[in-house]
Amino acid sequence: MTASKLIKPSTEYKDSYLEALALYHKEGRYKGLHIATIREEFDDFVEERCKRRSTLYRDYPDWVELVPDTELWLVKNDEYLGSVKVRHRLNWHLEKWGGHLSLIVRPDKRLMGYGQKILKKSRVVLHALDIERALLTVAPDNEIAQHIVEKAGAKLEDELAGTDKFPPQNLYWWTV
């Protein structure tokens, strides 16, 4: 058995990624990623994920400024365990509702320490981008995510109330 690692998206993990995507869909996440289409065009899907500098999972209004990002997958052996998107900088929207990192662990692998592993392994990417303090945003009702970021050393700096367009968020700063 090998250690988990962060990698660029890879066709090697097709079956496992598609299984995870079906689980995400059951949670109501990533509905814009159509499983049947991705299954048919997985090589192109992965190539696009590796080339793109900003990835959208849903349509955003024109006023949303896209920022460069890097998507990586946490894998172990032949299994996709989760993803992280590292944003290279923040715009005004990400300063409140997104942050530098967006991570997800596949539902059947949660509470096994993989969220912590994604955070720790993301440090290398943040360092390479000269990001010394990373913003992490967490929904106030997501106690598990709060625990993960606090255990990694992130400090709660603000609690934002929701608006008519955006949900409430807790803002954590993490010294990388």
Foldseek 3Di string as FASTA:
>chain_A
DDDKAKDQDDPLQLVQVLVLVVQCVVVVPLPLDDSVVCSVVVVVVSVCLQPAQFDDSDDDDPVDDTFGWHKIFIDDDSHTFWIKIAGLDDDPCCQFPNKRIDIDTRPVCPPVCVLLVVVVNCVVVCVVSVNQKTKDKDAPVCVSVVVSVVVQPWDFDDWAPADPVGHIITITIDGD
